[in-house]
Structures are given as C-alpha cells and as structure tokens.
Amino acid sequence: MPISFDTTGLQQTGPTAWANPGSDDKIEVKTVEGQAFEPSWMHDLGALRRGFAGMYGEAGCLIELERYEIVGVPVIYQVVKVPHPALPAGQVFMAIYTLPKTPVYAQLIYAAAESGMTGIREATLMAQLGMPADWTRPHPFDPSLRTRLPYHRGDDPAFDRQFPDHPLSRARAWAGHIGRTMRIDPAFAAQANLG
C-alpha cells in the first residue's frame, strides 16, 4: 500500500478501505494509472488551485487546496464537497491527499456524509451572521468559475470548532491528524514525481 496511516478506532472493510464505526465516515487508499492532473500545474500554485477548482466544479466545489512535501514526495491536500449521491438533500465532504507520481498516482480519501437533518451548519451561521449578502462568494481560486455547489462562508474552517460533529469539521480534523502522521511506502516514493 503506497500510504499508511493511523487506523486506531477504525474498522477495516476491505484491503484498502476502512470505516469509522462512530460516524460511518469512509476512508480509502486508491492507486490509479495515469496522471492525476496536468503536470505543468505542479510548478504554479495558482494554476494548481484553478485547475483543481475546475476539475471539481461540475461535481461539487473545491473548498481548499494546499501543496507540500513528505520525504520529498509532493502531496496535494484538497477539501471538496459534492451532493449526497443517495439523498435528495445533503452533502458529502471529502479530505483528499493526492500523491502525483507516474505511472500511477495514489490518493488517501476521507469521506464524511451529512445524515439526518442537513444544512444545520449553514442555517445556524446565516442566522448568527444576519443573513449576510456575501454568504455566497466567487470562488477564490477562479472567480469566473460556476460550480455545482456554491462556495460560501459556512465552509470556512474558522467555524469548525463551533460545529465539531459536522462532516466538514470531522473531515478536516481527521486530515489534520493524518497529514502529520501518514507514511509513504519507500518503493512508491522512489517512483518519478509528476512534472
């Protein structure tokens, strides 16, 4: 497996898949043949952010993206939201680590879905903030981009502490811990980096 991480408290559901029994959040390590994205984006953070925002725009919305390295391996960290595939309302929030190697790339994906009554975080914040006119904003990585789900103030990490059980907060909290503790298989790290 190209990526190993702390699985304490998780239930393994497949060779590279786990679930959190307390929340039913899903975790998966995937390896995919081909390129994760346009190689030239690796050298320009603005292009990387615009490119990923465009890639996720049809499916949902990219909320944040950062680029860094672990033992010389480039890592792209993304937070994304998409409509819940099995419910008429609600969203799934994903924290994704992408390791852009060639000829295959790897991803560690944490998916946390809304359940029960959805939209509570947004409704509560809109009430607290007095229905702000700038609730929905142009996408910060590409202001001309139109995404399936809106980019809005409620997704700001500053509100995660107020809503610790919300799936977006859970995804970010898990990603923060894993980002500090995950390990990359040396054989995978030795493969050529994209770009």
N, C-alpha and C. Protein backbone atom coordinates (compact mmCIF):
# COMPACT_ATOMS: atom_id res chain seq x y z
N MET A 1 0.85 -1.18 0.00
CA MET A 1 0.00 0.00 0.00
C MET A 1 0.90 1.25 0.00
N PRO A 2 0.65 2.20 -0.90
CA PRO A 2 1.55 3.34 -1.01
C PRO A 2 1.53 4.30 0.18
N ILE A 3 0.39 4.34 0.89
CA ILE A 3 0.25 5.25 2.02
C ILE A 3 -0.21 4.45 3.23
N SER A 4 0.45 4.63 4.35
CA SER A 4 -0.03 4.04 5.60
C SER A 4 -0.36 5.17 6.57
N PHE A 5 -1.27 4.90 7.48
CA PHE A 5 -1.76 5.94 8.38
C PHE A 5 -2.31 5.29 9.63
N ASP A 6 -2.60 6.11 10.62
CA ASP A 6 -3.11 5.65 11.90
C ASP A 6 -4.56 5.18 11.73
N THR A 7 -4.78 3.89 11.92
CA THR A 7 -6.14 3.33 11.78
C THR A 7 -6.80 3.05 13.13
N THR A 8 -6.26 3.61 14.20
CA THR A 8 -6.83 3.40 15.52
C THR A 8 -8.31 3.79 15.54
N GLY A 9 -9.16 2.89 16.01
CA GLY A 9 -10.58 3.14 16.13
C GLY A 9 -11.36 2.92 14.85
N LEU A 10 -10.68 2.55 13.77
CA LEU A 10 -11.36 2.32 12.50
C LEU A 10 -11.61 0.83 12.30
N GLN A 11 -12.62 0.52 11.53
CA GLN A 11 -12.94 -0.87 11.19
C GLN A 11 -12.56 -1.09 9.72
N GLN A 12 -11.69 -2.07 9.47
CA GLN A 12 -11.30 -2.34 8.09
C GLN A 12 -12.45 -3.02 7.36
N THR A 13 -12.80 -2.49 6.19
CA THR A 13 -13.91 -3.02 5.41
C THR A 13 -13.46 -3.61 4.08
N GLY A 14 -12.19 -3.51 3.77
CA GLY A 14 -11.63 -4.05 2.54
C GLY A 14 -10.12 -3.95 2.61
N PRO A 15 -9.42 -4.45 1.59
CA PRO A 15 -7.95 -4.43 1.63
C PRO A 15 -7.36 -3.04 1.82
N THR A 16 -8.01 -2.01 1.26
CA THR A 16 -7.52 -0.63 1.40
C THR A 16 -8.65 0.31 1.77
N ALA A 17 -9.61 -0.17 2.57
CA ALA A 17 -10.76 0.64 2.94
C ALA A 17 -11.11 0.43 4.41
N TRP A 18 -11.58 1.50 5.04
CA TRP A 18 -11.93 1.49 6.46
C TRP A 18 -13.19 2.33 6.66
N ALA A 19 -13.82 2.14 7.80
CA ALA A 19 -14.95 2.97 8.21
C ALA A 19 -14.77 3.34 9.67
N ASN A 20 -15.26 4.51 10.02
CA ASN A 20 -15.30 4.93 11.40
C ASN A 20 -16.64 4.48 11.97
N PRO A 21 -16.67 3.48 12.88
CA PRO A 21 -17.95 2.97 13.36
C PRO A 21 -18.79 4.00 14.11
N GLY A 22 -18.16 5.02 14.64
CA GLY A 22 -18.91 6.04 15.37
C GLY A 22 -19.67 7.00 14.47
N SER A 23 -19.14 7.23 13.27
CA SER A 23 -19.75 8.21 12.37
C SER A 23 -20.12 7.63 11.01
N ASP A 24 -19.62 6.45 10.72
CA ASP A 24 -19.77 5.81 9.41
C ASP A 24 -19.03 6.56 8.30
N ASP A 25 -18.08 7.43 8.66
CA ASP A 25 -17.23 8.05 7.66
C ASP A 25 -16.37 6.97 7.01
N LYS A 26 -16.03 7.16 5.75
CA LYS A 26 -15.30 6.16 4.97
C LYS A 26 -13.91 6.66 4.64
N ILE A 27 -12.95 5.73 4.65
CA ILE A 27 -11.56 6.04 4.32
C ILE A 27 -11.09 5.03 3.30
N GLU A 28 -10.38 5.49 2.29
CA GLU A 28 -9.89 4.58 1.26
C GLU A 28 -8.55 5.05 0.73
N VAL A 29 -7.67 4.09 0.45
CA VAL A 29 -6.42 4.36 -0.27
C VAL A 29 -6.59 3.79 -1.67
N LYS A 30 -6.37 4.64 -2.67
CA LYS A 30 -6.52 4.24 -4.06
C LYS A 30 -5.23 4.48 -4.83
N THR A 31 -4.91 3.59 -5.74
CA THR A 31 -3.86 3.85 -6.72
C THR A 31 -4.51 3.82 -8.09
N VAL A 32 -4.13 4.76 -8.92
CA VAL A 32 -4.77 4.94 -10.22
C VAL A 32 -3.70 5.10 -11.29
N GLU A 33 -3.84 4.39 -12.39
CA GLU A 33 -2.90 4.55 -13.50
C GLU A 33 -3.19 5.86 -14.22
N GLY A 34 -2.13 6.51 -14.66
CA GLY A 34 -2.28 7.76 -15.40
C GLY A 34 -1.85 8.95 -14.58
N GLN A 35 -2.17 10.13 -15.08
CA GLN A 35 -1.80 11.38 -14.42
C GLN A 35 -2.98 11.91 -13.61
N ALA A 36 -2.66 12.39 -12.42
CA ALA A 36 -3.71 12.95 -11.56
C ALA A 36 -4.22 14.29 -12.10
N PHE A 37 -3.35 15.01 -12.78
CA PHE A 37 -3.70 16.34 -13.30
C PHE A 37 -2.59 16.78 -14.25
N GLU A 38 -2.76 17.93 -14.83
CA GLU A 38 -1.80 18.49 -15.78
C GLU A 38 -0.44 18.70 -15.10
N PRO A 39 0.64 18.08 -15.61
CA PRO A 39 1.95 18.19 -14.93
C PRO A 39 2.44 19.62 -14.72
N SER A 40 2.14 20.52 -15.65
CA SER A 40 2.65 21.89 -15.52
C SER A 40 2.07 22.61 -14.30
N TRP A 41 0.93 22.13 -13.77
CA TRP A 41 0.34 22.77 -12.60
C TRP A 41 1.23 22.65 -11.37
N MET A 42 2.07 21.63 -11.34
CA MET A 42 2.90 21.38 -10.15
C MET A 42 3.82 22.55 -9.82
N HIS A 43 4.15 23.36 -10.81
CA HIS A 43 5.13 24.43 -10.62
C HIS A 43 4.48 25.80 -10.40
N ASP A 44 3.15 25.82 -10.29
CA ASP A 44 2.44 27.08 -10.15
C ASP A 44 1.22 26.84 -9.26
N LEU A 45 1.29 27.27 -8.00
CA LEU A 45 0.20 27.00 -7.05
C LEU A 45 -1.12 27.60 -7.54
N GLY A 46 -1.06 28.77 -8.15
CA GLY A 46 -2.28 29.38 -8.66
C GLY A 46 -2.91 28.52 -9.75
N ALA A 47 -2.09 28.01 -10.66
CA ALA A 47 -2.61 27.14 -11.72
C ALA A 47 -3.14 25.84 -11.14
N LEU A 48 -2.46 25.31 -10.13
CA LEU A 48 -2.90 24.07 -9.48
C LEU A 48 -4.28 24.27 -8.85
N ARG A 49 -4.45 25.38 -8.15
CA ARG A 49 -5.73 25.66 -7.50
C ARG A 49 -6.83 25.91 -8.53
N ARG A 50 -6.55 26.68 -9.56
CA ARG A 50 -7.55 26.92 -10.60
C ARG A 50 -7.92 25.62 -11.31
N GLY A 51 -6.91 24.80 -11.61
CA GLY A 51 -7.16 23.54 -12.30
C GLY A 51 -8.02 22.59 -11.49
N PHE A 52 -7.71 22.44 -10.20
CA PHE A 52 -8.50 21.56 -9.35
C PHE A 52 -9.90 22.12 -9.13
N ALA A 53 -10.02 23.44 -8.99
CA ALA A 53 -11.35 24.05 -8.84
C ALA A 53 -12.20 23.73 -10.06
N GLY A 54 -11.61 23.80 -11.24
CA GLY A 54 -12.33 23.45 -12.46
C GLY A 54 -12.67 21.98 -12.53
N MET A 55 -11.74 21.12 -12.11
CA MET A 55 -11.99 19.68 -12.14
C MET A 55 -13.16 19.30 -11.25
N TYR A 56 -13.26 19.92 -10.08
CA TYR A 56 -14.32 19.58 -9.13
C TYR A 56 -15.60 20.38 -9.35
N GLY A 57 -15.55 21.42 -10.18
CA GLY A 57 -16.67 22.32 -10.34
C GLY A 57 -17.95 21.66 -10.82
N GLU A 58 -17.83 20.72 -11.76
CA GLU A 58 -19.03 20.05 -12.29
C GLU A 58 -19.65 19.12 -11.26
N ALA A 59 -18.82 18.51 -10.41
CA ALA A 59 -19.32 17.55 -9.43
C ALA A 59 -19.79 18.22 -8.14
N GLY A 60 -19.16 19.33 -7.76
CA GLY A 60 -19.48 19.96 -6.49
C GLY A 60 -18.74 21.26 -6.33
N CYS A 61 -17.77 21.29 -5.41
CA CYS A 61 -16.99 22.51 -5.20
C CYS A 61 -15.72 22.19 -4.40
N LEU A 62 -14.59 22.67 -4.90
CA LEU A 62 -13.33 22.62 -4.15
C LEU A 62 -13.38 23.70 -3.09
N ILE A 63 -13.13 23.33 -1.84
CA ILE A 63 -13.17 24.30 -0.74
C ILE A 63 -11.78 24.84 -0.44
N GLU A 64 -10.80 23.95 -0.43
CA GLU A 64 -9.43 24.41 -0.17
C GLU A 64 -8.44 23.46 -0.82
N LEU A 65 -7.22 23.96 -1.03
CA LEU A 65 -6.15 23.14 -1.60
C LEU A 65 -4.82 23.70 -1.14
N GLU A 66 -3.95 22.80 -0.69
CA GLU A 66 -2.59 23.15 -0.31
C GLU A 66 -1.63 22.15 -0.94
N ARG A 67 -0.41 22.56 -1.15
CA ARG A 67 0.64 21.69 -1.71
C ARG A 67 1.84 21.71 -0.76
N TYR A 68 2.35 20.51 -0.47
CA TYR A 68 3.56 20.42 0.35
C TYR A 68 4.28 19.12 0.03
N GLU A 69 5.31 18.78 0.78
CA GLU A 69 6.07 17.56 0.53
C GLU A 69 6.21 16.74 1.80
N ILE A 70 6.23 15.43 1.62
CA ILE A 70 6.57 14.48 2.69
C ILE A 70 7.70 13.63 2.15
N VAL A 71 8.83 13.64 2.82
CA VAL A 71 10.04 12.92 2.40
C VAL A 71 10.30 13.06 0.90
N GLY A 72 10.21 14.28 0.41
CA GLY A 72 10.50 14.55 -0.99
C GLY A 72 9.38 14.22 -1.96
N VAL A 73 8.27 13.70 -1.47
CA VAL A 73 7.14 13.36 -2.33
C VAL A 73 6.14 14.53 -2.29
N PRO A 74 5.79 15.09 -3.45
CA PRO A 74 4.78 16.14 -3.44
C PRO A 74 3.42 15.59 -3.02
N VAL A 75 2.72 16.36 -2.24
CA VAL A 75 1.39 15.98 -1.74
C VAL A 75 0.45 17.15 -1.99
N ILE A 76 -0.69 16.86 -2.59
CA ILE A 76 -1.73 17.87 -2.81
C ILE A 76 -2.88 17.54 -1.86
N TYR A 77 -3.17 18.46 -0.97
CA TYR A 77 -4.26 18.28 0.00
C TYR A 77 -5.47 19.08 -0.47
N GLN A 78 -6.62 18.42 -0.57
CA GLN A 78 -7.83 19.07 -1.03
C GLN A 78 -8.97 18.80 -0.06
N VAL A 79 -9.85 19.77 0.06
CA VAL A 79 -11.13 19.57 0.74
C VAL A 79 -12.20 19.91 -0.30
N VAL A 80 -13.15 18.98 -0.47
CA VAL A 80 -14.14 19.07 -1.54
C VAL A 80 -15.51 18.75 -0.95
N LYS A 81 -16.55 19.34 -1.55
CA LYS A 81 -17.91 18.95 -1.21
C LYS A 81 -18.65 18.59 -2.50
N VAL A 82 -19.49 17.55 -2.38
CA VAL A 82 -20.32 17.10 -3.51
C VAL A 82 -21.71 16.79 -2.97
N PRO A 83 -22.74 16.81 -3.84
CA PRO A 83 -24.07 16.42 -3.37
C PRO A 83 -24.07 14.97 -2.90
N HIS A 84 -24.87 14.70 -1.90
CA HIS A 84 -25.00 13.33 -1.40
C HIS A 84 -25.62 12.47 -2.51
N PRO A 85 -24.96 11.36 -2.90
CA PRO A 85 -25.48 10.58 -4.03
C PRO A 85 -26.75 9.80 -3.74
N ALA A 86 -27.06 9.59 -2.46
CA ALA A 86 -28.21 8.73 -2.12
C ALA A 86 -29.35 9.48 -1.46
N LEU A 87 -29.22 10.80 -1.29
CA LEU A 87 -30.25 11.57 -0.61
C LEU A 87 -30.67 12.76 -1.47
N PRO A 88 -31.92 13.20 -1.34
CA PRO A 88 -32.36 14.35 -2.13
C PRO A 88 -31.71 15.66 -1.69
N ALA A 89 -31.22 15.69 -0.45
CA ALA A 89 -30.52 16.87 0.07
C ALA A 89 -29.30 16.38 0.83
N GLY A 90 -28.46 17.30 1.19
CA GLY A 90 -27.26 16.92 1.94
C GLY A 90 -26.04 16.82 1.05
N GLN A 91 -24.90 16.79 1.72
CA GLN A 91 -23.62 16.80 1.01
C GLN A 91 -22.67 15.78 1.62
N VAL A 92 -21.66 15.44 0.83
CA VAL A 92 -20.54 14.63 1.30
C VAL A 92 -19.31 15.51 1.22
N PHE A 93 -18.55 15.53 2.30
CA PHE A 93 -17.33 16.33 2.38
C PHE A 93 -16.15 15.37 2.36
N MET A 94 -15.16 15.67 1.52
CA MET A 94 -14.00 14.79 1.38
C MET A 94 -12.72 15.56 1.63
N ALA A 95 -11.86 14.96 2.44
CA ALA A 95 -10.49 15.43 2.59
C ALA A 95 -9.63 14.42 1.81
N ILE A 96 -8.85 14.91 0.86
CA ILE A 96 -8.13 14.03 -0.05
C ILE A 96 -6.66 14.43 -0.08
N TYR A 97 -5.80 13.43 0.08
CA TYR A 97 -4.38 13.60 -0.15
C TYR A 97 -4.03 12.91 -1.46
N THR A 98 -3.51 13.64 -2.42
CA THR A 98 -3.11 13.08 -3.71
C THR A 98 -1.60 13.12 -3.81
N LEU A 99 -0.99 11.98 -4.13
CA LEU A 99 0.45 11.88 -4.34
C LEU A 99 0.67 11.69 -5.83
N PRO A 100 1.05 12.77 -6.55
CA PRO A 100 1.10 12.72 -8.01
C PRO A 100 2.39 12.13 -8.54
N LYS A 101 2.42 10.82 -8.60
CA LYS A 101 3.56 10.08 -9.15
C LYS A 101 3.20 9.58 -10.55
N THR A 102 4.20 9.06 -11.26
CA THR A 102 3.97 8.39 -12.53
C THR A 102 4.70 7.05 -12.49
N PRO A 103 4.15 6.00 -13.10
CA PRO A 103 2.97 5.94 -13.97
C PRO A 103 1.65 5.81 -13.23
N VAL A 104 1.67 5.73 -11.89
CA VAL A 104 0.43 5.70 -11.12
C VAL A 104 0.50 6.78 -10.06
N TYR A 105 -0.67 7.24 -9.65
CA TYR A 105 -0.72 8.16 -8.52
C TYR A 105 -1.56 7.52 -7.42
N ALA A 106 -1.41 8.03 -6.21
CA ALA A 106 -2.13 7.47 -5.06
C ALA A 106 -2.96 8.55 -4.40
N GLN A 107 -4.07 8.12 -3.81
CA GLN A 107 -4.92 9.04 -3.05
C GLN A 107 -5.35 8.39 -1.75
N LEU A 108 -5.37 9.19 -0.71
CA LEU A 108 -5.96 8.81 0.57
C LEU A 108 -7.18 9.71 0.74
N ILE A 109 -8.36 9.10 0.80
CA ILE A 109 -9.62 9.85 0.76
C ILE A 109 -10.43 9.58 2.02
N TYR A 110 -10.84 10.63 2.68
CA TYR A 110 -11.74 10.55 3.83
C TYR A 110 -13.05 11.19 3.40
N ALA A 111 -14.14 10.45 3.46
CA ALA A 111 -15.46 10.94 3.04
C ALA A 111 -16.42 10.93 4.21
N ALA A 112 -16.98 12.09 4.52
CA ALA A 112 -17.93 12.24 5.63
C ALA A 112 -19.23 12.81 5.08
N ALA A 113 -20.31 12.07 5.25
CA ALA A 113 -21.59 12.46 4.67
C ALA A 113 -22.53 13.05 5.71
N GLU A 114 -23.32 14.03 5.30
CA GLU A 114 -24.40 14.52 6.14
C GLU A 114 -25.46 13.45 6.27
N SER A 115 -26.13 13.42 7.40
CA SER A 115 -27.24 12.49 7.61
C SER A 115 -28.26 13.17 8.50
N GLY A 116 -29.44 12.60 8.56
CA GLY A 116 -30.49 13.22 9.36
C GLY A 116 -30.87 14.57 8.77
N MET A 117 -31.05 15.55 9.63
CA MET A 117 -31.38 16.90 9.16
C MET A 117 -30.12 17.54 8.61
N THR A 118 -30.17 17.96 7.36
CA THR A 118 -28.99 18.55 6.71
C THR A 118 -29.09 20.07 6.69
N GLY A 119 -27.93 20.71 6.47
CA GLY A 119 -27.90 22.17 6.35
C GLY A 119 -27.93 22.92 7.65
N ILE A 120 -27.74 22.23 8.78
CA ILE A 120 -27.83 22.90 10.08
C ILE A 120 -26.69 23.90 10.26
N ARG A 121 -25.49 23.52 9.85
CA ARG A 121 -24.34 24.43 9.98
C ARG A 121 -24.62 25.73 9.23
N GLU A 122 -25.06 25.60 7.98
CA GLU A 122 -25.32 26.78 7.16
C GLU A 122 -26.44 27.63 7.73
N ALA A 123 -27.57 27.00 8.11
CA ALA A 123 -28.71 27.74 8.63
C ALA A 123 -28.36 28.48 9.93
N THR A 124 -27.61 27.79 10.81
CA THR A 124 -27.23 28.42 12.08
C THR A 124 -26.31 29.61 11.84
N LEU A 125 -25.35 29.43 10.95
CA LEU A 125 -24.41 30.53 10.70
C LEU A 125 -25.09 31.70 10.00
N MET A 126 -25.98 31.42 9.07
CA MET A 126 -26.69 32.51 8.40
C MET A 126 -27.50 33.32 9.42
N ALA A 127 -28.12 32.63 10.38
CA ALA A 127 -28.87 33.33 11.42
C ALA A 127 -27.94 34.15 12.31
N GLN A 128 -26.80 33.56 12.69
CA GLN A 128 -25.85 34.27 13.55
C GLN A 128 -25.26 35.49 12.85
N LEU A 129 -25.00 35.36 11.56
CA LEU A 129 -24.36 36.44 10.81
C LEU A 129 -25.36 37.42 10.22
N GLY A 130 -26.64 37.19 10.47
CA GLY A 130 -27.66 38.11 9.99
C GLY A 130 -27.92 38.04 8.50
N MET A 131 -27.95 36.84 7.95
CA MET A 131 -28.21 36.63 6.52
C MET A 131 -27.31 37.52 5.66
N PRO A 132 -26.00 37.36 5.74
CA PRO A 132 -25.09 38.28 5.05
C PRO A 132 -25.26 38.22 3.53
N ALA A 133 -25.17 39.40 2.91
CA ALA A 133 -25.31 39.48 1.45
C ALA A 133 -24.17 38.75 0.75
N ASP A 134 -23.02 38.65 1.42
CA ASP A 134 -21.87 37.98 0.81
C ASP A 134 -21.72 36.53 1.29
N TRP A 135 -22.84 35.89 1.67
CA TRP A 135 -22.77 34.49 2.09
C TRP A 135 -22.16 33.62 0.99
N THR A 136 -22.71 33.71 -0.21
CA THR A 136 -22.14 33.01 -1.36
C THR A 136 -21.14 33.93 -2.02
N ARG A 137 -19.97 33.39 -2.33
CA ARG A 137 -18.89 34.22 -2.86
C ARG A 137 -18.35 33.64 -4.16
N PRO A 138 -17.70 34.48 -4.98
CA PRO A 138 -16.99 33.93 -6.12
C PRO A 138 -15.90 32.97 -5.64
N HIS A 139 -15.61 31.96 -6.43
CA HIS A 139 -14.60 31.00 -6.00
C HIS A 139 -13.25 31.70 -5.88
N PRO A 140 -12.56 31.53 -4.75
CA PRO A 140 -11.30 32.27 -4.55
C PRO A 140 -10.18 31.85 -5.51
N PHE A 141 -10.26 30.66 -6.06
CA PHE A 141 -9.21 30.21 -6.97
C PHE A 141 -9.50 30.54 -8.42
N ASP A 142 -10.76 30.83 -8.73
CA ASP A 142 -11.17 31.19 -10.08
C ASP A 142 -12.52 31.91 -10.00
N PRO A 143 -12.50 33.24 -9.86
CA PRO A 143 -13.75 33.98 -9.66
C PRO A 143 -14.77 33.83 -10.79
N SER A 144 -14.32 33.46 -11.98
CA SER A 144 -15.26 33.30 -13.10
C SER A 144 -15.91 31.92 -13.12
N LEU A 145 -15.45 31.01 -12.26
CA LEU A 145 -15.93 29.63 -12.27
C LEU A 145 -17.33 29.52 -11.67
N ARG A 146 -18.19 28.75 -12.33
CA ARG A 146 -19.51 28.43 -11.79
C ARG A 146 -19.49 26.96 -11.38
N THR A 147 -19.72 26.69 -10.10
CA THR A 147 -19.63 25.34 -9.58
C THR A 147 -21.02 24.79 -9.27
N ARG A 148 -21.12 23.46 -9.25
CA ARG A 148 -22.41 22.83 -8.97
C ARG A 148 -22.93 23.19 -7.58
N LEU A 149 -22.05 23.19 -6.60
CA LEU A 149 -22.38 23.65 -5.26
C LEU A 149 -21.70 24.99 -5.02
N PRO A 150 -22.32 25.89 -4.28
CA PRO A 150 -21.72 27.22 -4.10
C PRO A 150 -20.53 27.21 -3.15
N TYR A 151 -19.62 28.12 -3.40
CA TYR A 151 -18.56 28.40 -2.44
C TYR A 151 -19.14 29.45 -1.49
N HIS A 152 -19.18 29.15 -0.18
CA HIS A 152 -19.81 30.10 0.74
C HIS A 152 -19.08 30.16 2.08
N ARG A 153 -19.48 31.15 2.88
CA ARG A 153 -18.80 31.44 4.14
C ARG A 153 -18.89 30.31 5.14
N GLY A 154 -19.95 29.50 5.06
CA GLY A 154 -20.14 28.44 6.04
C GLY A 154 -19.09 27.36 6.01
N ASP A 155 -18.33 27.27 4.90
CA ASP A 155 -17.29 26.25 4.79
C ASP A 155 -15.96 26.69 5.39
N ASP A 156 -15.90 27.89 5.91
CA ASP A 156 -14.67 28.42 6.48
C ASP A 156 -14.24 27.56 7.69
N PRO A 157 -12.95 27.18 7.76
CA PRO A 157 -12.51 26.37 8.91
C PRO A 157 -12.64 27.08 10.25
N ALA A 158 -12.79 28.39 10.23
CA ALA A 158 -12.96 29.12 11.49
C ALA A 158 -14.21 28.68 12.24
N PHE A 159 -15.18 28.08 11.54
CA PHE A 159 -16.42 27.65 12.17
C PHE A 159 -16.40 26.18 12.61
N ASP A 160 -15.33 25.46 12.31
CA ASP A 160 -15.28 24.03 12.65
C ASP A 160 -15.39 23.79 14.15
N ARG A 161 -14.81 24.66 14.94
CA ARG A 161 -14.85 24.47 16.39
C ARG A 161 -16.28 24.58 16.93
N GLN A 162 -17.08 25.43 16.29
CA GLN A 162 -18.47 25.59 16.70
C GLN A 162 -19.32 24.37 16.32
N PHE A 163 -18.89 23.66 15.28
CA PHE A 163 -19.64 22.50 14.76
C PHE A 163 -18.73 21.28 14.66
N PRO A 164 -18.21 20.79 15.79
CA PRO A 164 -17.22 19.71 15.74
C PRO A 164 -17.74 18.40 15.15
N ASP A 165 -19.05 18.18 15.22
CA ASP A 165 -19.61 16.93 14.70
C ASP A 165 -20.08 17.03 13.25
N HIS A 166 -19.99 18.20 12.68
CA HIS A 166 -20.39 18.34 11.28
C HIS A 166 -19.39 17.58 10.39
N PRO A 167 -19.86 16.95 9.30
CA PRO A 167 -18.95 16.15 8.48
C PRO A 167 -17.76 16.94 7.92
N LEU A 168 -17.94 18.22 7.61
CA LEU A 168 -16.80 19.01 7.14
C LEU A 168 -15.76 19.16 8.25
N SER A 169 -16.22 19.43 9.45
CA SER A 169 -15.30 19.55 10.60
C SER A 169 -14.60 18.22 10.86
N ARG A 170 -15.34 17.10 10.79
CA ARG A 170 -14.73 15.78 11.01
C ARG A 170 -13.66 15.49 9.96
N ALA A 171 -13.98 15.80 8.71
CA ALA A 171 -13.02 15.53 7.63
C ALA A 171 -11.75 16.34 7.84
N ARG A 172 -11.89 17.61 8.19
CA ARG A 172 -10.70 18.44 8.40
C ARG A 172 -9.91 17.98 9.62
N ALA A 173 -10.59 17.61 10.69
CA ALA A 173 -9.89 17.17 11.90
C ALA A 173 -9.10 15.90 11.62
N TRP A 174 -9.72 14.95 10.94
CA TRP A 174 -9.03 13.71 10.60
C TRP A 174 -7.84 14.00 9.69
N ALA A 175 -8.06 14.84 8.69
CA ALA A 175 -6.98 15.16 7.75
C ALA A 175 -5.81 15.83 8.45
N GLY A 176 -6.09 16.68 9.42
CA GLY A 176 -5.00 17.33 10.14
C GLY A 176 -4.13 16.34 10.88
N HIS A 177 -4.77 15.36 11.53
CA HIS A 177 -4.01 14.32 12.25
C HIS A 177 -3.23 13.46 11.26
N ILE A 178 -3.89 13.04 10.19
CA ILE A 178 -3.25 12.14 9.24
C ILE A 178 -2.13 12.84 8.49
N GLY A 179 -2.32 14.11 8.18
CA GLY A 179 -1.28 14.86 7.49
C GLY A 179 0.03 14.91 8.26
N ARG A 180 -0.07 14.84 9.58
CA ARG A 180 1.13 14.86 10.43
C ARG A 180 1.72 13.48 10.65
N THR A 181 0.92 12.43 10.41
CA THR A 181 1.38 11.09 10.81
C THR A 181 1.44 10.07 9.68
N MET A 182 0.90 10.37 8.48
CA MET A 182 0.91 9.35 7.43
C MET A 182 2.32 9.10 6.94
N ARG A 183 2.51 7.88 6.43
CA ARG A 183 3.81 7.45 5.92
C ARG A 183 3.65 7.00 4.47
N ILE A 184 4.69 7.22 3.69
CA ILE A 184 4.68 6.85 2.28
C ILE A 184 5.64 5.69 2.07
N ASP A 185 5.16 4.66 1.40
CA ASP A 185 5.98 3.48 1.12
C ASP A 185 7.22 3.90 0.33
N PRO A 186 8.43 3.48 0.77
CA PRO A 186 9.65 3.89 0.07
C PRO A 186 9.68 3.53 -1.41
N ALA A 187 9.13 2.37 -1.77
CA ALA A 187 9.11 1.97 -3.18
C ALA A 187 8.23 2.93 -3.99
N PHE A 188 7.11 3.33 -3.42
CA PHE A 188 6.25 4.28 -4.11
C PHE A 188 6.92 5.65 -4.17
N ALA A 189 7.57 6.06 -3.09
CA ALA A 189 8.26 7.35 -3.05
C ALA A 189 9.35 7.43 -4.10
N ALA A 190 9.94 6.28 -4.45
CA ALA A 190 11.04 6.25 -5.43
C ALA A 190 10.57 6.44 -6.86
N GLN A 191 9.27 6.29 -7.11
CA GLN A 191 8.77 6.50 -8.47
C GLN A 191 8.91 7.98 -8.85
N ALA A 192 8.88 8.22 -10.15
CA ALA A 192 9.04 9.58 -10.64
C ALA A 192 7.87 10.45 -10.23
N ASN A 193 8.18 11.68 -9.79
CA ASN A 193 7.14 12.65 -9.47
C ASN A 193 6.52 13.17 -10.76
N LEU A 194 5.26 13.52 -10.72
CA LEU A 194 4.61 14.13 -11.87
C LEU A 194 5.21 15.52 -12.09
N GLY A 195 5.51 15.82 -13.34
CA GLY A 195 6.04 17.15 -13.68
C GLY A 195 7.50 17.26 -13.42
